[in-house]
Amino acid sequence: MVAGVCYCYGMVGNNRSDVVQVQLYRSKGITGMRLYSPDAHALSALRNSGISLMIDVRGTDKLSYLDASGSNASGWVRTNVQAYHGLTIKYIDAGN
């Protein structure tokens, strides 16, 4: 028995339309998704979509930067979470 299915948001490729991708995901009843980096275009397109997100911090260099000070971590949250009203962010992944 499968308890749930997770979808990863595709961010590689050309001619991608974030709005069209989100419409496709919603039409398929997708309610949860993972972003492997806090991509501004994807985050904007996912606003008010009803899709819950898991966002990766992305990379050990970024993780070291966030760990160096509370203000670095707070700045990351302001830039990549709080700036996107209308998102449902359930998890922030800071590792692999």
PDB file of N, CA and C in Angstrom:
ATOM      1  N   MET A   1       0.837  -1.173   0.000  1.00  0.00           N
ATOM      2  CA  MET A   1       0.000   0.000   0.000  1.00  0.00           C
ATOM      3  C   MET A   1       0.886   1.241   0.000  1.00  0.00           C
ATOM      4  N   VAL A   2       0.543   2.200  -0.799  1.00  0.00           N
ATOM      5  CA  VAL A   2       1.280   3.457  -0.884  1.00  0.00           C
ATOM      6  C   VAL A   2       0.559   4.503  -0.044  1.00  0.00           C
ATOM      7  N   ALA A   3       1.308   5.112   0.873  1.00  0.00           N
ATOM      8  CA  ALA A   3       0.718   6.138   1.738  1.00  0.00           C
ATOM      9  C   ALA A   3       0.626   7.478   1.029  1.00  0.00           C
ATOM     10  N   GLY A   4       1.482   7.707   0.085  1.00  0.00           N
ATOM     11  CA  GLY A   4       1.464   8.970  -0.639  1.00  0.00           C
ATOM     12  C   GLY A   4       2.505   8.966  -1.736  1.00  0.00           C
ATOM     13  N   VAL A   5       2.399   9.904  -2.627  1.00  0.00           N
ATOM     14  CA  VAL A   5       3.335  10.051  -3.726  1.00  0.00           C
ATOM     15  C   VAL A   5       3.837  11.481  -3.697  1.00  0.00           C
ATOM     16  N   CYS A   6       5.140  11.651  -3.869  1.00  0.00           N
ATOM     17  CA  CYS A   6       5.738  12.983  -3.883  1.00  0.00           C
ATOM     18  C   CYS A   6       6.199  13.300  -5.295  1.00  0.00           C
ATOM     19  N   TYR A   7       6.003  14.515  -5.727  1.00  0.00           N
ATOM     20  CA  TYR A   7       6.430  14.958  -7.037  1.00  0.00           C
ATOM     21  C   TYR A   7       7.523  15.993  -6.877  1.00  0.00           C
ATOM     22  N   CYS A   8       8.500  15.932  -7.748  1.00  0.00           N
ATOM     23  CA  CYS A   8       9.576  16.909  -7.766  1.00  0.00           C
ATOM     24  C   CYS A   8       9.318  17.866  -8.915  1.00  0.00           C
ATOM     25  N   TYR A   9       9.445  19.135  -8.643  1.00  0.00           N
ATOM     26  CA  TYR A   9       9.197  20.181  -9.627  1.00  0.00           C
ATOM     27  C   TYR A   9      10.362  20.230 -10.600  1.00  0.00           C
ATOM     28  N   GLY A  10      10.118  20.041 -11.884  1.00  0.00           N
ATOM     29  CA  GLY A  10      11.171  20.060 -12.897  1.00  0.00           C
ATOM     30  C   GLY A  10      11.648  21.469 -13.188  1.00  0.00           C
ATOM     31  N   MET A  11      12.960  21.704 -12.991  1.00  0.00           N
ATOM     32  CA  MET A  11      13.510  23.045 -13.214  1.00  0.00           C
ATOM     33  C   MET A  11      14.626  23.048 -14.245  1.00  0.00           C
ATOM     34  N   VAL A  12      14.833  21.915 -14.916  1.00  0.00           N
ATOM     35  CA  VAL A  12      15.877  21.839 -15.925  1.00  0.00           C
ATOM     36  C   VAL A  12      15.207  21.753 -17.284  1.00  0.00           C
ATOM     37  N   GLY A  13      15.707  22.513 -18.204  1.00  0.00           N
ATOM     38  CA  GLY A  13      15.146  22.487 -19.551  1.00  0.00           C
ATOM     39  C   GLY A  13      14.934  23.892 -20.071  1.00  0.00           C
ATOM     40  N   ASN A  14      14.592  23.989 -21.325  1.00  0.00           N
ATOM     41  CA  ASN A  14      14.316  25.302 -21.878  1.00  0.00           C
ATOM     42  C   ASN A  14      12.846  25.364 -22.270  1.00  0.00           C
ATOM     43  N   ASN A  15      12.371  26.541 -22.489  1.00  0.00           N
ATOM     44  CA  ASN A  15      10.974  26.784 -22.864  1.00  0.00           C
ATOM     45  C   ASN A  15       9.988  26.259 -21.820  1.00  0.00           C
ATOM     46  N   ARG A  16      10.400  26.266 -20.558  1.00  0.00           N
ATOM     47  CA  ARG A  16       9.479  25.797 -19.531  1.00  0.00           C
ATOM     48  C   ARG A  16       8.588  26.954 -19.107  1.00  0.00           C
ATOM     49  N   SER A  17       7.371  26.649 -18.835  1.00  0.00           N
ATOM     50  CA  SER A  17       6.415  27.630 -18.345  1.00  0.00           C
ATOM     51  C   SER A  17       5.986  27.197 -16.955  1.00  0.00           C
ATOM     52  N   ASP A  18       6.409  27.949 -15.953  1.00  0.00           N
ATOM     53  CA  ASP A  18       6.085  27.594 -14.579  1.00  0.00           C
ATOM     54  C   ASP A  18       4.577  27.592 -14.341  1.00  0.00           C
ATOM     55  N   VAL A  19       3.881  28.544 -14.913  1.00  0.00           N
ATOM     56  CA  VAL A  19       2.430  28.621 -14.720  1.00  0.00           C
ATOM     57  C   VAL A  19       1.751  27.400 -15.323  1.00  0.00           C
ATOM     58  N   VAL A  20       2.174  26.990 -16.515  1.00  0.00           N
ATOM     59  CA  VAL A  20       1.599  25.811 -17.167  1.00  0.00           C
ATOM     60  C   VAL A  20       1.913  24.558 -16.351  1.00  0.00           C
ATOM     61  N   GLN A  21       3.138  24.453 -15.818  1.00  0.00           N
ATOM     62  CA  GLN A  21       3.490  23.305 -14.994  1.00  0.00           C
ATOM     63  C   GLN A  21       2.579  23.216 -13.780  1.00  0.00           C
ATOM     64  N   VAL A  22       2.367  24.321 -13.107  1.00  0.00           N
ATOM     65  CA  VAL A  22       1.518  24.321 -11.909  1.00  0.00           C
ATOM     66  C   VAL A  22       0.089  23.947 -12.275  1.00  0.00           C
ATOM     67  N   GLN A  23      -0.422  24.443 -13.383  1.00  0.00           N
ATOM     68  CA  GLN A  23      -1.769  24.077 -13.832  1.00  0.00           C
ATOM     69  C   GLN A  23      -1.862  22.579 -14.085  1.00  0.00           C
ATOM     70  N   LEU A  24      -0.833  22.008 -14.689  1.00  0.00           N
ATOM     71  CA  LEU A  24      -0.807  20.570 -14.949  1.00  0.00           C
ATOM     72  C   LEU A  24      -0.823  19.797 -13.630  1.00  0.00           C
ATOM     73  N   TYR A  25       0.029  20.171 -12.693  1.00  0.00           N
ATOM     74  CA  TYR A  25       0.079  19.484 -11.404  1.00  0.00           C
ATOM     75  C   TYR A  25      -1.270  19.548 -10.692  1.00  0.00           C
ATOM     76  N   ARG A  26      -1.885  20.721 -10.700  1.00  0.00           N
ATOM     77  CA  ARG A  26      -3.186  20.867 -10.027  1.00  0.00           C
ATOM     78  C   ARG A  26      -4.252  20.032 -10.721  1.00  0.00           C
ATOM     79  N   SER A  27      -4.208  19.970 -12.056  1.00  0.00           N
ATOM     80  CA  SER A  27      -5.216  19.192 -12.786  1.00  0.00           C
ATOM     81  C   SER A  27      -5.095  17.698 -12.497  1.00  0.00           C
ATOM     82  N   LYS A  28      -3.918  17.262 -12.076  1.00  0.00           N
ATOM     83  CA  LYS A  28      -3.692  15.854 -11.746  1.00  0.00           C
ATOM     84  C   LYS A  28      -3.905  15.572 -10.259  1.00  0.00           C
ATOM     85  N   GLY A  29      -4.348  16.589  -9.523  1.00  0.00           N
ATOM     86  CA  GLY A  29      -4.646  16.393  -8.105  1.00  0.00           C
ATOM     87  C   GLY A  29      -3.417  16.328  -7.206  1.00  0.00           C
ATOM     88  N   ILE A  30      -2.304  16.846  -7.663  1.00  0.00           N
ATOM     89  CA  ILE A  30      -1.075  16.825  -6.872  1.00  0.00           C
ATOM     90  C   ILE A  30      -1.185  17.849  -5.753  1.00  0.00           C
ATOM     91  N   THR A  31      -0.930  17.400  -4.534  1.00  0.00           N
ATOM     92  CA  THR A  31      -1.075  18.276  -3.370  1.00  0.00           C
ATOM     93  C   THR A  31       0.234  18.512  -2.628  1.00  0.00           C
ATOM     94  N   GLY A  32       1.312  17.832  -3.036  1.00  0.00           N
ATOM     95  CA  GLY A  32       2.604  18.005  -2.395  1.00  0.00           C
ATOM     96  C   GLY A  32       3.725  17.900  -3.399  1.00  0.00           C
ATOM     97  N   MET A  33       4.786  18.676  -3.159  1.00  0.00           N
ATOM     98  CA  MET A  33       5.860  18.746  -4.131  1.00  0.00           C
ATOM     99  C   MET A  33       7.162  19.127  -3.457  1.00  0.00           C
ATOM    100  N   ARG A  34       8.280  18.739  -4.065  1.00  0.00           N
ATOM    101  CA  ARG A  34       9.604  19.100  -3.573  1.00  0.00           C
ATOM    102  C   ARG A  34      10.304  19.973  -4.601  1.00  0.00           C
ATOM    103  N   LEU A  35      10.916  21.042  -4.125  1.00  0.00           N
ATOM    104  CA  LEU A  35      11.773  21.884  -4.954  1.00  0.00           C
ATOM    105  C   LEU A  35      13.208  21.668  -4.484  1.00  0.00           C
ATOM    106  N   TYR A  36      14.094  21.321  -5.388  1.00  0.00           N
ATOM    107  CA  TYR A  36      15.475  21.058  -5.010  1.00  0.00           C
ATOM    108  C   TYR A  36      16.289  22.325  -4.811  1.00  0.00           C
ATOM    109  N   SER A  37      15.710  23.459  -5.077  1.00  0.00           N
ATOM    110  CA  SER A  37      16.314  24.748  -4.750  1.00  0.00           C
ATOM    111  C   SER A  37      15.185  25.778  -4.738  1.00  0.00           C
ATOM    112  N   PRO A  38      15.365  26.864  -4.027  1.00  0.00           N
ATOM    113  CA  PRO A  38      14.309  27.875  -3.947  1.00  0.00           C
ATOM    114  C   PRO A  38      14.286  28.755  -5.196  1.00  0.00           C
ATOM    115  N   ASP A  39      13.795  28.211  -6.277  1.00  0.00           N
ATOM    116  CA  ASP A  39      13.735  28.904  -7.560  1.00  0.00           C
ATOM    117  C   ASP A  39      12.630  29.966  -7.530  1.00  0.00           C
ATOM    118  N   ALA A  40      12.997  31.213  -7.777  1.00  0.00           N
ATOM    119  CA  ALA A  40      12.049  32.328  -7.677  1.00  0.00           C
ATOM    120  C   ALA A  40      10.857  32.177  -8.623  1.00  0.00           C
ATOM    121  N   HIS A  41      11.103  31.719  -9.848  1.00  0.00           N
ATOM    122  CA  HIS A  41      10.006  31.560 -10.812  1.00  0.00           C
ATOM    123  C   HIS A  41       9.032  30.476 -10.355  1.00  0.00           C
ATOM    124  N   ALA A  42       9.576  29.364  -9.880  1.00  0.00           N
ATOM    125  CA  ALA A  42       8.722  28.274  -9.410  1.00  0.00           C
ATOM    126  C   ALA A  42       7.938  28.700  -8.171  1.00  0.00           C
ATOM    127  N   LEU A  43       8.605  29.357  -7.224  1.00  0.00           N
ATOM    128  CA  LEU A  43       7.919  29.792  -6.009  1.00  0.00           C
ATOM    129  C   LEU A  43       6.789  30.765  -6.333  1.00  0.00           C
ATOM    130  N   SER A  44       7.043  31.685  -7.246  1.00  0.00           N
ATOM    131  CA  SER A  44       5.994  32.633  -7.642  1.00  0.00           C
ATOM    132  C   SER A  44       4.815  31.917  -8.290  1.00  0.00           C
ATOM    133  N   ALA A  45       5.094  30.968  -9.168  1.00  0.00           N
ATOM    134  CA  ALA A  45       4.024  30.240  -9.870  1.00  0.00           C
ATOM    135  C   ALA A  45       3.211  29.384  -8.911  1.00  0.00           C
ATOM    136  N   LEU A  46       3.826  28.910  -7.839  1.00  0.00           N
ATOM    137  CA  LEU A  46       3.137  28.029  -6.889  1.00  0.00           C
ATOM    138  C   LEU A  46       2.317  28.772  -5.834  1.00  0.00           C
ATOM    139  N   ARG A  47       2.385  30.093  -5.823  1.00  0.00           N
ATOM    140  CA  ARG A  47       1.579  30.861  -4.870  1.00  0.00           C
ATOM    141  C   ARG A  47       0.102  30.545  -5.048  1.00  0.00           C
ATOM    142  N   ASN A  48      -0.578  30.371  -3.931  1.00  0.00           N
ATOM    143  CA  ASN A  48      -2.028  30.136  -3.905  1.00  0.00           C
ATOM    144  C   ASN A  48      -2.464  28.930  -4.743  1.00  0.00           C
ATOM    145  N   SER A  49      -1.558  27.987  -4.952  1.00  0.00           N
ATOM    146  CA  SER A  49      -1.886  26.805  -5.755  1.00  0.00           C
ATOM    147  C   SER A  49      -2.517  25.698  -4.910  1.00  0.00           C
ATOM    148  N   GLY A  50      -2.337  25.769  -3.592  1.00  0.00           N
ATOM    149  CA  GLY A  50      -2.818  24.704  -2.728  1.00  0.00           C
ATOM    150  C   GLY A  50      -1.865  23.517  -2.663  1.00  0.00           C
ATOM    151  N   ILE A  51      -0.702  23.635  -3.293  1.00  0.00           N
ATOM    152  CA  ILE A  51       0.292  22.571  -3.290  1.00  0.00           C
ATOM    153  C   ILE A  51       1.273  22.836  -2.149  1.00  0.00           C
ATOM    154  N   SER A  52       1.400  21.878  -1.236  1.00  0.00           N
ATOM    155  CA  SER A  52       2.342  21.988  -0.123  1.00  0.00           C
ATOM    156  C   SER A  52       3.746  21.703  -0.620  1.00  0.00           C
ATOM    157  N   LEU A  53       4.720  22.421  -0.064  1.00  0.00           N
ATOM    158  CA  LEU A  53       6.084  22.321  -0.572  1.00  0.00           C
ATOM    159  C   LEU A  53       7.100  21.869   0.464  1.00  0.00           C
ATOM    160  N   MET A  54       8.107  21.184  -0.056  1.00  0.00           N
ATOM    161  CA  MET A  54       9.352  20.927   0.658  1.00  0.00           C
ATOM    162  C   MET A  54      10.422  21.605  -0.185  1.00  0.00           C
ATOM    163  N   ILE A  55      11.180  22.515   0.429  1.00  0.00           N
ATOM    164  CA  ILE A  55      12.203  23.258  -0.294  1.00  0.00           C
ATOM    165  C   ILE A  55      13.571  22.868   0.247  1.00  0.00           C
ATOM    166  N   ASP A  56      14.494  22.556  -0.663  1.00  0.00           N
ATOM    167  CA  ASP A  56      15.868  22.249  -0.268  1.00  0.00           C
ATOM    168  C   ASP A  56      16.670  23.541  -0.167  1.00  0.00           C
ATOM    169  N   VAL A  57      17.563  23.587   0.813  1.00  0.00           N
ATOM    170  CA  VAL A  57      18.480  24.713   0.951  1.00  0.00           C
ATOM    171  C   VAL A  57      19.431  24.750  -0.234  1.00  0.00           C
ATOM    172  N   ARG A  58      19.880  23.610  -0.682  1.00  0.00           N
ATOM    173  CA  ARG A  58      20.698  23.422  -1.887  1.00  0.00           C
ATOM    174  C   ARG A  58      22.187  23.648  -1.657  1.00  0.00           C
ATOM    175  N   GLY A  59      22.893  22.571  -1.462  1.00  0.00           N
ATOM    176  CA  GLY A  59      24.350  22.596  -1.461  1.00  0.00           C
ATOM    177  C   GLY A  59      25.000  22.756  -0.096  1.00  0.00           C
ATOM    178  N   THR A  60      26.123  22.093   0.071  1.00  0.00           N
ATOM    179  CA  THR A  60      26.833  22.167   1.350  1.00  0.00           C
ATOM    180  C   THR A  60      27.424  23.547   1.584  1.00  0.00           C
ATOM    181  N   ASP A  61      27.778  24.273   0.519  1.00  0.00           N
ATOM    182  CA  ASP A  61      28.287  25.630   0.697  1.00  0.00           C
ATOM    183  C   ASP A  61      27.207  26.531   1.286  1.00  0.00           C
ATOM    184  N   LYS A  62      25.978  26.374   0.827  1.00  0.00           N
ATOM    185  CA  LYS A  62      24.859  27.157   1.362  1.00  0.00           C
ATOM    186  C   LYS A  62      24.558  26.743   2.800  1.00  0.00           C
ATOM    187  N   LEU A  63      24.645  25.467   3.072  1.00  0.00           N
ATOM    188  CA  LEU A  63      24.395  24.975   4.421  1.00  0.00           C
ATOM    189  C   LEU A  63      25.429  25.537   5.395  1.00  0.00           C
ATOM    190  N   SER A  64      26.693  25.571   4.998  1.00  0.00           N
ATOM    191  CA  SER A  64      27.747  26.151   5.841  1.00  0.00           C
ATOM    192  C   SER A  64      27.499  27.632   6.081  1.00  0.00           C
ATOM    193  N   TYR A  65      27.056  28.332   5.042  1.00  0.00           N
ATOM    194  CA  TYR A  65      26.744  29.765   5.161  1.00  0.00           C
ATOM    195  C   TYR A  65      25.611  29.982   6.162  1.00  0.00           C
ATOM    196  N   LEU A  66      24.558  29.184   6.079  1.00  0.00           N
ATOM    197  CA  LEU A  66      23.424  29.332   6.985  1.00  0.00           C
ATOM    198  C   LEU A  66      23.812  28.996   8.423  1.00  0.00           C
ATOM    199  N   ASP A  67      24.687  28.021   8.579  1.00  0.00           N
ATOM    200  CA  ASP A  67      25.132  27.595   9.897  1.00  0.00           C
ATOM    201  C   ASP A  67      26.055  28.614  10.556  1.00  0.00           C
ATOM    202  N   ALA A  68      26.685  29.468   9.760  1.00  0.00           N
ATOM    203  CA  ALA A  68      27.669  30.417  10.283  1.00  0.00           C
ATOM    204  C   ALA A  68      27.064  31.463  11.214  1.00  0.00           C
ATOM    205  N   SER A  69      25.787  31.835  10.997  1.00  0.00           N
ATOM    206  CA  SER A  69      25.170  32.832  11.882  1.00  0.00           C
ATOM    207  C   SER A  69      23.650  32.784  11.766  1.00  0.00           C
ATOM    208  N   GLY A  70      23.025  33.182  12.835  1.00  0.00           N
ATOM    209  CA  GLY A  70      21.565  33.258  12.848  1.00  0.00           C
ATOM    210  C   GLY A  70      21.039  34.266  11.849  1.00  0.00           C
ATOM    211  N   SER A  71      21.788  35.352  11.639  1.00  0.00           N
ATOM    212  CA  SER A  71      21.323  36.361  10.683  1.00  0.00           C
ATOM    213  C   SER A  71      21.387  35.838   9.253  1.00  0.00           C
ATOM    214  N   ASN A  72      22.366  34.984   8.948  1.00  0.00           N
ATOM    215  CA  ASN A  72      22.418  34.365   7.614  1.00  0.00           C
ATOM    216  C   ASN A  72      21.186  33.492   7.396  1.00  0.00           C
ATOM    217  N   ALA A  73      20.864  32.674   8.394  1.00  0.00           N
ATOM    218  CA  ALA A  73      19.697  31.796   8.287  1.00  0.00           C
ATOM    219  C   ALA A  73      18.405  32.607   8.191  1.00  0.00           C
ATOM    220  N   SER A  74      18.288  33.649   9.003  1.00  0.00           N
ATOM    221  CA  SER A  74      17.097  34.501   8.966  1.00  0.00           C
ATOM    222  C   SER A  74      16.950  35.173   7.609  1.00  0.00           C
ATOM    223  N   GLY A  75      18.062  35.619   7.044  1.00  0.00           N
ATOM    224  CA  GLY A  75      18.024  36.246   5.723  1.00  0.00           C
ATOM    225  C   GLY A  75      17.561  35.277   4.648  1.00  0.00           C
ATOM    226  N   TRP A  76      18.028  34.021   4.743  1.00  0.00           N
ATOM    227  CA  TRP A  76      17.598  33.007   3.775  1.00  0.00           C
ATOM    228  C   TRP A  76      16.093  32.791   3.870  1.00  0.00           C
ATOM    229  N   VAL A  77      15.582  32.709   5.086  1.00  0.00           N
ATOM    230  CA  VAL A  77      14.134  32.509   5.277  1.00  0.00           C
ATOM    231  C   VAL A  77      13.364  33.715   4.749  1.00  0.00           C
ATOM    232  N   ARG A  78      13.835  34.921   5.018  1.00  0.00           N
ATOM    233  CA  ARG A  78      13.154  36.119   4.501  1.00  0.00           C
ATOM    234  C   ARG A  78      13.103  36.111   2.978  1.00  0.00           C
ATOM    235  N   THR A  79      14.218  35.766   2.353  1.00  0.00           N
ATOM    236  CA  THR A  79      14.323  35.801   0.892  1.00  0.00           C
ATOM    237  C   THR A  79      13.574  34.659   0.213  1.00  0.00           C
ATOM    238  N   ASN A  80      13.627  33.480   0.790  1.00  0.00           N
ATOM    239  CA  ASN A  80      13.127  32.291   0.101  1.00  0.00           C
ATOM    240  C   ASN A  80      11.828  31.721   0.646  1.00  0.00           C
ATOM    241  N   VAL A  81      11.346  32.239   1.756  1.00  0.00           N
ATOM    242  CA  VAL A  81      10.097  31.744   2.335  1.00  0.00           C
ATOM    243  C   VAL A  81       9.112  32.899   2.534  1.00  0.00           C
ATOM    244  N   GLN A  82       9.482  33.843   3.362  1.00  0.00           N
ATOM    245  CA  GLN A  82       8.555  34.916   3.715  1.00  0.00           C
ATOM    246  C   GLN A  82       8.211  35.832   2.545  1.00  0.00           C
ATOM    247  N   ALA A  83       9.088  35.928   1.570  1.00  0.00           N
ATOM    248  CA  ALA A  83       8.839  36.800   0.414  1.00  0.00           C
ATOM    249  C   ALA A  83       7.736  36.275  -0.501  1.00  0.00           C
ATOM    250  N   TYR A  84       7.342  35.021  -0.317  1.00  0.00           N
ATOM    251  CA  TYR A  84       6.368  34.392  -1.203  1.00  0.00           C
ATOM    252  C   TYR A  84       5.087  34.091  -0.438  1.00  0.00           C
ATOM    253  N   HIS A  85       4.283  35.128  -0.230  1.00  0.00           N
ATOM    254  CA  HIS A  85       2.999  34.946   0.441  1.00  0.00           C
ATOM    255  C   HIS A  85       2.115  34.040  -0.398  1.00  0.00           C
ATOM    256  N   GLY A  86       1.308  33.244   0.261  1.00  0.00           N
ATOM    257  CA  GLY A  86       0.403  32.359  -0.455  1.00  0.00           C
ATOM    258  C   GLY A  86       0.975  30.968  -0.687  1.00  0.00           C
ATOM    259  N   LEU A  87       2.175  30.687  -0.170  1.00  0.00           N
ATOM    260  CA  LEU A  87       2.749  29.346  -0.284  1.00  0.00           C
ATOM    261  C   LEU A  87       2.486  28.554   0.988  1.00  0.00           C
ATOM    262  N   THR A  88       2.375  27.261   0.847  1.00  0.00           N
ATOM    263  CA  THR A  88       2.305  26.359   1.995  1.00  0.00           C
ATOM    264  C   THR A  88       3.596  25.565   2.011  1.00  0.00           C
ATOM    265  N   ILE A  89       4.531  26.012   2.851  1.00  0.00           N
ATOM    266  CA  ILE A  89       5.815  25.337   2.958  1.00  0.00           C
ATOM    267  C   ILE A  89       5.775  24.472   4.199  1.00  0.00           C
ATOM    268  N   LYS A  90       5.788  23.165   3.987  1.00  0.00           N
ATOM    269  CA  LYS A  90       5.717  22.225   5.108  1.00  0.00           C
ATOM    270  C   LYS A  90       7.099  21.893   5.666  1.00  0.00           C
ATOM    271  N   TYR A  91       8.110  21.826   4.792  1.00  0.00           N
ATOM    272  CA  TYR A  91       9.443  21.416   5.213  1.00  0.00           C
ATOM    273  C   TYR A  91      10.508  22.228   4.495  1.00  0.00           C
ATOM    274  N   ILE A  92      11.609  22.450   5.179  1.00  0.00           N
ATOM    275  CA  ILE A  92      12.821  22.974   4.580  1.00  0.00           C
ATOM    276  C   ILE A  92      13.889  21.923   4.802  1.00  0.00           C
ATOM    277  N   ASP A  93      14.469  21.405   3.714  1.00  0.00           N
ATOM    278  CA  ASP A  93      15.472  20.355   3.791  1.00  0.00           C
ATOM    279  C   ASP A  93      16.853  20.980   3.768  1.00  0.00           C
ATOM    280  N   ALA A  94      17.633  20.688   4.801  1.00  0.00           N
ATOM    281  CA  ALA A  94      18.983  21.257   4.901  1.00  0.00           C
ATOM    282  C   ALA A  94      19.994  20.117   4.948  1.00  0.00           C
ATOM    283  N   GLY A  95      20.007  19.287   3.958  1.00  0.00           N
ATOM    284  CA  GLY A  95      20.919  18.157   3.891  1.00  0.00           C
ATOM    285  C   GLY A  95      20.493  17.222   2.787  1.00  0.00           C
ATOM    286  N   ASN A  96      21.086  16.045   2.764  1.00  0.00           N
ATOM    287  CA  ASN A  96      20.657  15.127   1.698  1.00  0.00           C
ATOM    288  C   ASN A  96      20.085  13.876   2.224  1.00  0.00           C
TER     289      ASN A  96
END
